[in-house]
Amino acid sequence: VQLQASGGGLVQAGGSLRLSCAASRDTFSRDAMGWFRQAPGKQRELVATINSGGSTNYGDAVKGRFTISRDNAKNMVYLQMNNLKPEDTAVYYCNTVFGFSIDAYWGRGTLVTVSS
């Protein structure tokens, strides 16, 4: 399993970013996928998930600001982040929900820095 996140960068508070994740996985269309983040000195946490049917779930900290989506034809997962806050600063990773549960399959994340 290879998971490559991209799209991070430096943005001012209130700004927006769109993260992308390319997944090399034959079962992608059937996998529940998610975005997760890890801030300095903190544990990795769930940001958002999307199942094979397109149902979504969000962490309380990002509800109403972030939107997860997927394109099964391209094996891609996206995270649209609006109204960013300094506390959103973290390295963002994509993974299968299963991989998150067993702490495995982590690929390279992408750094998001939000300045105040």
N, C-alpha and C. Protein backbone atom coordinates (compact mmCIF):
# COMPACT_ATOMS: atom_id res chain seq x y z
N VAL A 1 0.85 -1.19 0.00
CA VAL A 1 0.00 0.00 0.00
C VAL A 1 0.89 1.24 0.00
N GLN A 2 0.66 2.12 -0.96
CA GLN A 2 1.38 3.39 -0.98
C GLN A 2 0.36 4.52 -0.96
N LEU A 3 0.60 5.45 -0.06
CA LEU A 3 -0.29 6.59 0.13
C LEU A 3 0.54 7.85 0.11
N GLN A 4 0.25 8.73 -0.80
CA GLN A 4 1.04 9.95 -0.99
C GLN A 4 0.15 11.16 -0.85
N ALA A 5 0.36 11.92 0.22
CA ALA A 5 -0.41 13.14 0.45
C ALA A 5 0.34 14.33 -0.12
N SER A 6 -0.40 15.31 -0.61
CA SER A 6 0.21 16.52 -1.14
C SER A 6 -0.76 17.68 -0.99
N GLY A 7 -0.24 18.89 -1.23
CA GLY A 7 -1.09 20.07 -1.21
C GLY A 7 -0.95 20.96 0.00
N GLY A 8 -0.11 20.57 0.94
CA GLY A 8 0.08 21.40 2.12
C GLY A 8 0.86 22.66 1.81
N GLY A 9 0.97 23.51 2.82
CA GLY A 9 1.70 24.74 2.65
C GLY A 9 1.44 25.70 3.78
N LEU A 10 1.88 26.94 3.59
CA LEU A 10 1.70 27.99 4.57
C LEU A 10 0.53 28.87 4.15
N VAL A 11 -0.40 29.08 5.07
CA VAL A 11 -1.57 29.90 4.77
C VAL A 11 -1.94 30.73 5.99
N GLN A 12 -2.54 31.87 5.76
CA GLN A 12 -2.97 32.71 6.87
C GLN A 12 -4.29 32.19 7.44
N ALA A 13 -4.51 32.50 8.69
CA ALA A 13 -5.78 32.13 9.32
C ALA A 13 -6.94 32.66 8.49
N GLY A 14 -7.96 31.82 8.33
CA GLY A 14 -9.10 32.17 7.51
C GLY A 14 -8.98 31.73 6.06
N GLY A 15 -7.80 31.30 5.69
CA GLY A 15 -7.56 30.86 4.32
C GLY A 15 -8.00 29.43 4.06
N SER A 16 -7.71 28.96 2.86
CA SER A 16 -8.13 27.62 2.43
C SER A 16 -6.97 26.88 1.78
N LEU A 17 -7.04 25.56 1.88
CA LEU A 17 -6.12 24.67 1.18
C LEU A 17 -6.89 23.42 0.76
N ARG A 18 -6.41 22.79 -0.29
CA ARG A 18 -6.99 21.51 -0.71
C ARG A 18 -5.88 20.47 -0.75
N LEU A 19 -6.04 19.44 0.05
CA LEU A 19 -5.08 18.35 0.09
C LEU A 19 -5.54 17.23 -0.83
N SER A 20 -4.56 16.55 -1.41
CA SER A 20 -4.85 15.40 -2.27
C SER A 20 -4.06 14.20 -1.78
N CYS A 21 -4.62 13.03 -2.03
CA CYS A 21 -3.95 11.79 -1.64
C CYS A 21 -4.10 10.79 -2.77
N ALA A 22 -2.97 10.28 -3.25
CA ALA A 22 -2.97 9.23 -4.26
C ALA A 22 -2.72 7.89 -3.58
N ALA A 23 -3.59 6.94 -3.83
CA ALA A 23 -3.49 5.64 -3.19
C ALA A 23 -3.25 4.56 -4.24
N SER A 24 -2.19 3.81 -4.07
CA SER A 24 -1.95 2.68 -4.96
C SER A 24 -2.45 1.43 -4.26
N ARG A 25 -3.69 1.11 -4.51
CA ARG A 25 -4.33 0.01 -3.77
C ARG A 25 -5.45 -0.55 -4.63
N ASP A 26 -5.39 -1.83 -4.93
CA ASP A 26 -6.38 -2.45 -5.81
C ASP A 26 -7.79 -2.39 -5.24
N THR A 27 -7.88 -2.39 -3.93
CA THR A 27 -9.20 -2.42 -3.28
C THR A 27 -9.70 -1.03 -2.92
N PHE A 28 -9.09 -0.01 -3.50
CA PHE A 28 -9.38 1.37 -3.07
C PHE A 28 -10.87 1.67 -3.04
N SER A 29 -11.58 1.30 -4.09
CA SER A 29 -12.99 1.66 -4.18
C SER A 29 -13.83 1.06 -3.04
N ARG A 30 -13.31 0.02 -2.42
CA ARG A 30 -14.04 -0.62 -1.32
C ARG A 30 -13.52 -0.20 0.05
N ASP A 31 -12.44 0.55 0.08
CA ASP A 31 -11.83 0.94 1.35
C ASP A 31 -12.46 2.19 1.93
N ALA A 32 -12.66 2.17 3.22
CA ALA A 32 -12.96 3.41 3.93
C ALA A 32 -11.64 4.17 4.08
N MET A 33 -11.63 5.41 3.66
CA MET A 33 -10.42 6.21 3.67
C MET A 33 -10.57 7.39 4.63
N GLY A 34 -9.44 7.92 5.04
CA GLY A 34 -9.51 9.03 5.96
C GLY A 34 -8.32 9.95 5.89
N TRP A 35 -8.50 11.11 6.44
CA TRP A 35 -7.42 12.06 6.67
C TRP A 35 -7.18 12.14 8.17
N PHE A 36 -5.91 12.21 8.52
CA PHE A 36 -5.51 12.24 9.91
C PHE A 36 -4.42 13.29 10.04
N ARG A 37 -4.20 13.80 11.23
CA ARG A 37 -3.17 14.82 11.39
C ARG A 37 -2.44 14.64 12.71
N GLN A 38 -1.21 15.12 12.71
CA GLN A 38 -0.40 15.07 13.92
C GLN A 38 0.31 16.40 14.10
N ALA A 39 -0.06 17.07 15.16
CA ALA A 39 0.57 18.33 15.50
C ALA A 39 1.80 18.06 16.37
N PRO A 40 2.74 18.98 16.41
CA PRO A 40 3.95 18.78 17.22
C PRO A 40 3.61 18.47 18.67
N GLY A 41 4.18 17.39 19.19
CA GLY A 41 3.96 17.03 20.58
C GLY A 41 2.63 16.38 20.89
N LYS A 42 1.85 16.12 19.85
CA LYS A 42 0.52 15.54 20.07
C LYS A 42 0.39 14.21 19.34
N GLN A 43 -0.60 13.44 19.75
CA GLN A 43 -0.87 12.18 19.07
C GLN A 43 -1.60 12.42 17.75
N ARG A 44 -1.46 11.48 16.86
CA ARG A 44 -2.18 11.57 15.59
C ARG A 44 -3.67 11.45 15.86
N GLU A 45 -4.47 12.27 15.17
CA GLU A 45 -5.90 12.28 15.40
C GLU A 45 -6.65 12.20 14.08
N LEU A 46 -7.89 11.73 14.18
CA LEU A 46 -8.76 11.63 13.02
C LEU A 46 -9.27 13.00 12.63
N VAL A 47 -9.22 13.31 11.33
CA VAL A 47 -9.78 14.55 10.82
C VAL A 47 -11.11 14.28 10.14
N ALA A 48 -11.10 13.33 9.21
CA ALA A 48 -12.32 13.03 8.46
C ALA A 48 -12.18 11.65 7.82
N THR A 49 -13.32 10.99 7.64
CA THR A 49 -13.33 9.71 6.95
C THR A 49 -14.45 9.69 5.91
N ILE A 50 -14.27 8.82 4.93
CA ILE A 50 -15.28 8.63 3.90
C ILE A 50 -15.30 7.14 3.55
N ASN A 51 -16.49 6.55 3.55
CA ASN A 51 -16.54 5.12 3.27
C ASN A 51 -16.75 4.88 1.77
N SER A 52 -16.86 3.62 1.41
CA SER A 52 -16.97 3.27 -0.01
C SER A 52 -18.23 3.84 -0.64
N GLY A 53 -19.26 4.05 0.17
CA GLY A 53 -20.51 4.60 -0.34
C GLY A 53 -20.58 6.11 -0.36
N GLY A 54 -19.52 6.74 0.16
CA GLY A 54 -19.48 8.19 0.17
C GLY A 54 -19.96 8.85 1.45
N SER A 55 -20.32 8.05 2.44
CA SER A 55 -20.72 8.64 3.72
C SER A 55 -19.50 9.18 4.44
N THR A 56 -19.67 10.33 5.06
CA THR A 56 -18.53 11.01 5.68
C THR A 56 -18.71 11.18 7.18
N ASN A 57 -17.57 11.37 7.83
CA ASN A 57 -17.55 11.60 9.27
C ASN A 57 -16.41 12.56 9.55
N TYR A 58 -16.63 13.48 10.49
CA TYR A 58 -15.62 14.51 10.77
C TYR A 58 -15.32 14.60 12.26
N GLY A 59 -14.09 14.94 12.55
CA GLY A 59 -13.73 15.26 13.92
C GLY A 59 -14.41 16.56 14.34
N ASP A 60 -14.69 16.69 15.60
CA ASP A 60 -15.41 17.86 16.09
C ASP A 60 -14.68 19.17 15.77
N ALA A 61 -13.37 19.13 15.77
CA ALA A 61 -12.60 20.35 15.57
C ALA A 61 -12.71 20.91 14.15
N VAL A 62 -13.13 20.09 13.20
CA VAL A 62 -13.13 20.54 11.80
C VAL A 62 -14.52 20.55 11.18
N LYS A 63 -15.51 20.12 11.92
CA LYS A 63 -16.88 20.07 11.37
C LYS A 63 -17.31 21.44 10.88
N GLY A 64 -17.88 21.46 9.68
CA GLY A 64 -18.35 22.71 9.11
C GLY A 64 -17.29 23.50 8.38
N ARG A 65 -16.03 23.08 8.49
CA ARG A 65 -14.93 23.79 7.82
C ARG A 65 -14.23 22.92 6.78
N PHE A 66 -14.13 21.64 7.03
CA PHE A 66 -13.42 20.73 6.14
C PHE A 66 -14.42 19.83 5.42
N THR A 67 -14.05 19.42 4.19
CA THR A 67 -14.88 18.50 3.41
C THR A 67 -13.98 17.43 2.79
N ILE A 68 -14.30 16.18 3.05
CA ILE A 68 -13.57 15.06 2.45
C ILE A 68 -14.35 14.55 1.26
N SER A 69 -13.62 14.14 0.22
CA SER A 69 -14.26 13.56 -0.97
C SER A 69 -13.31 12.54 -1.57
N ARG A 70 -13.82 11.76 -2.51
CA ARG A 70 -13.00 10.75 -3.15
C ARG A 70 -13.39 10.61 -4.62
N ASP A 71 -12.41 10.17 -5.40
CA ASP A 71 -12.63 9.86 -6.81
C ASP A 71 -12.11 8.44 -7.02
N ASN A 72 -13.01 7.48 -7.05
CA ASN A 72 -12.59 6.09 -7.14
C ASN A 72 -11.95 5.76 -8.48
N ALA A 73 -12.33 6.47 -9.52
CA ALA A 73 -11.74 6.22 -10.84
C ALA A 73 -10.26 6.58 -10.87
N LYS A 74 -9.88 7.52 -10.01
CA LYS A 74 -8.49 7.98 -9.99
C LYS A 74 -7.74 7.51 -8.75
N ASN A 75 -8.39 6.75 -7.89
CA ASN A 75 -7.77 6.32 -6.62
C ASN A 75 -7.26 7.54 -5.83
N MET A 76 -8.12 8.54 -5.71
CA MET A 76 -7.72 9.78 -5.05
C MET A 76 -8.71 10.11 -3.92
N VAL A 77 -8.16 10.70 -2.88
CA VAL A 77 -8.97 11.25 -1.78
C VAL A 77 -8.55 12.70 -1.60
N TYR A 78 -9.52 13.55 -1.30
CA TYR A 78 -9.25 14.98 -1.17
C TYR A 78 -9.76 15.50 0.18
N LEU A 79 -9.14 16.58 0.61
CA LEU A 79 -9.62 17.27 1.81
C LEU A 79 -9.61 18.77 1.52
N GLN A 80 -10.80 19.33 1.40
CA GLN A 80 -10.94 20.77 1.23
C GLN A 80 -11.01 21.39 2.62
N MET A 81 -10.09 22.29 2.90
CA MET A 81 -10.01 22.91 4.22
C MET A 81 -10.27 24.40 4.09
N ASN A 82 -11.33 24.87 4.70
CA ASN A 82 -11.70 26.28 4.67
C ASN A 82 -11.63 26.88 6.07
N ASN A 83 -11.56 28.19 6.12
CA ASN A 83 -11.52 28.90 7.40
C ASN A 83 -10.48 28.28 8.33
N LEU A 84 -9.28 28.13 7.82
CA LEU A 84 -8.23 27.48 8.60
C LEU A 84 -7.85 28.31 9.82
N LYS A 85 -7.49 27.60 10.88
CA LYS A 85 -7.11 28.22 12.14
C LYS A 85 -5.69 27.79 12.51
N PRO A 86 -4.99 28.59 13.31
CA PRO A 86 -3.63 28.19 13.71
C PRO A 86 -3.57 26.80 14.34
N GLU A 87 -4.62 26.40 15.03
CA GLU A 87 -4.63 25.09 15.67
C GLU A 87 -4.79 23.94 14.66
N ASP A 88 -5.00 24.28 13.39
CA ASP A 88 -5.03 23.25 12.35
C ASP A 88 -3.62 22.91 11.87
N THR A 89 -2.62 23.64 12.33
CA THR A 89 -1.24 23.37 11.94
C THR A 89 -0.83 21.97 12.36
N ALA A 90 -0.39 21.17 11.39
CA ALA A 90 -0.04 19.77 11.64
C ALA A 90 0.48 19.16 10.34
N VAL A 91 1.03 17.96 10.47
CA VAL A 91 1.30 17.14 9.29
C VAL A 91 0.04 16.31 9.04
N TYR A 92 -0.45 16.37 7.83
CA TYR A 92 -1.67 15.67 7.45
C TYR A 92 -1.32 14.41 6.66
N TYR A 93 -1.97 13.32 7.01
CA TYR A 93 -1.76 12.04 6.36
C TYR A 93 -3.09 11.48 5.86
N CYS A 94 -3.02 10.72 4.79
CA CYS A 94 -4.19 9.94 4.41
C CYS A 94 -3.87 8.47 4.67
N ASN A 95 -4.91 7.70 4.89
CA ASN A 95 -4.74 6.29 5.16
C ASN A 95 -6.10 5.62 5.03
N THR A 96 -6.08 4.31 4.98
CA THR A 96 -7.33 3.59 5.14
C THR A 96 -7.73 3.67 6.62
N VAL A 97 -9.01 3.56 6.88
CA VAL A 97 -9.47 3.57 8.26
C VAL A 97 -8.90 2.37 9.00
N PHE A 98 -8.80 1.25 8.30
CA PHE A 98 -8.21 0.06 8.90
C PHE A 98 -6.75 0.31 9.27
N GLY A 99 -6.00 0.94 8.35
CA GLY A 99 -4.61 1.25 8.64
C GLY A 99 -4.45 2.13 9.86
N PHE A 100 -5.34 3.10 9.99
CA PHE A 100 -5.33 3.96 11.18
C PHE A 100 -5.55 3.13 12.44
N SER A 101 -6.47 2.18 12.36
CA SER A 101 -6.83 1.40 13.55
C SER A 101 -5.69 0.50 14.02
N ILE A 102 -4.84 0.08 13.08
CA ILE A 102 -3.72 -0.79 13.46
C ILE A 102 -2.39 -0.05 13.38
N ASP A 103 -2.46 1.26 13.15
CA ASP A 103 -1.26 2.09 13.10
C ASP A 103 -0.27 1.55 12.08
N ALA A 104 -0.74 1.38 10.86
CA ALA A 104 0.11 0.83 9.80
C ALA A 104 -0.23 1.52 8.47
N TYR A 105 0.59 1.27 7.47
CA TYR A 105 0.39 1.75 6.09
C TYR A 105 0.61 3.26 5.95
N TRP A 106 1.17 3.91 6.92
CA TRP A 106 1.34 5.36 6.83
C TRP A 106 2.33 5.71 5.75
N GLY A 107 1.94 6.62 4.89
CA GLY A 107 2.83 7.14 3.86
C GLY A 107 3.35 8.50 4.28
N ARG A 108 3.87 9.21 3.31
CA ARG A 108 4.40 10.54 3.59
C ARG A 108 3.25 11.53 3.73
N GLY A 109 3.32 12.31 4.78
CA GLY A 109 2.30 13.31 5.00
C GLY A 109 2.64 14.62 4.34
N THR A 110 1.78 15.59 4.51
CA THR A 110 2.01 16.93 3.97
C THR A 110 1.79 17.95 5.07
N LEU A 111 2.72 18.90 5.20
CA LEU A 111 2.67 19.86 6.30
C LEU A 111 1.76 21.03 5.96
N VAL A 112 0.87 21.31 6.88
CA VAL A 112 0.00 22.49 6.79
C VAL A 112 0.36 23.41 7.95
N THR A 113 0.70 24.64 7.62
CA THR A 113 1.03 25.63 8.63
C THR A 113 0.09 26.82 8.47
N VAL A 114 -0.61 27.14 9.54
CA VAL A 114 -1.56 28.26 9.51
C VAL A 114 -1.04 29.35 10.44
N SER A 115 -0.79 30.50 9.86
CA SER A 115 -0.27 31.61 10.66
C SER A 115 -1.41 32.50 11.13
N SER A 116 -1.20 33.09 12.30
CA SER A 116 -2.26 33.93 12.88
C SER A 116 -2.12 35.37 12.42
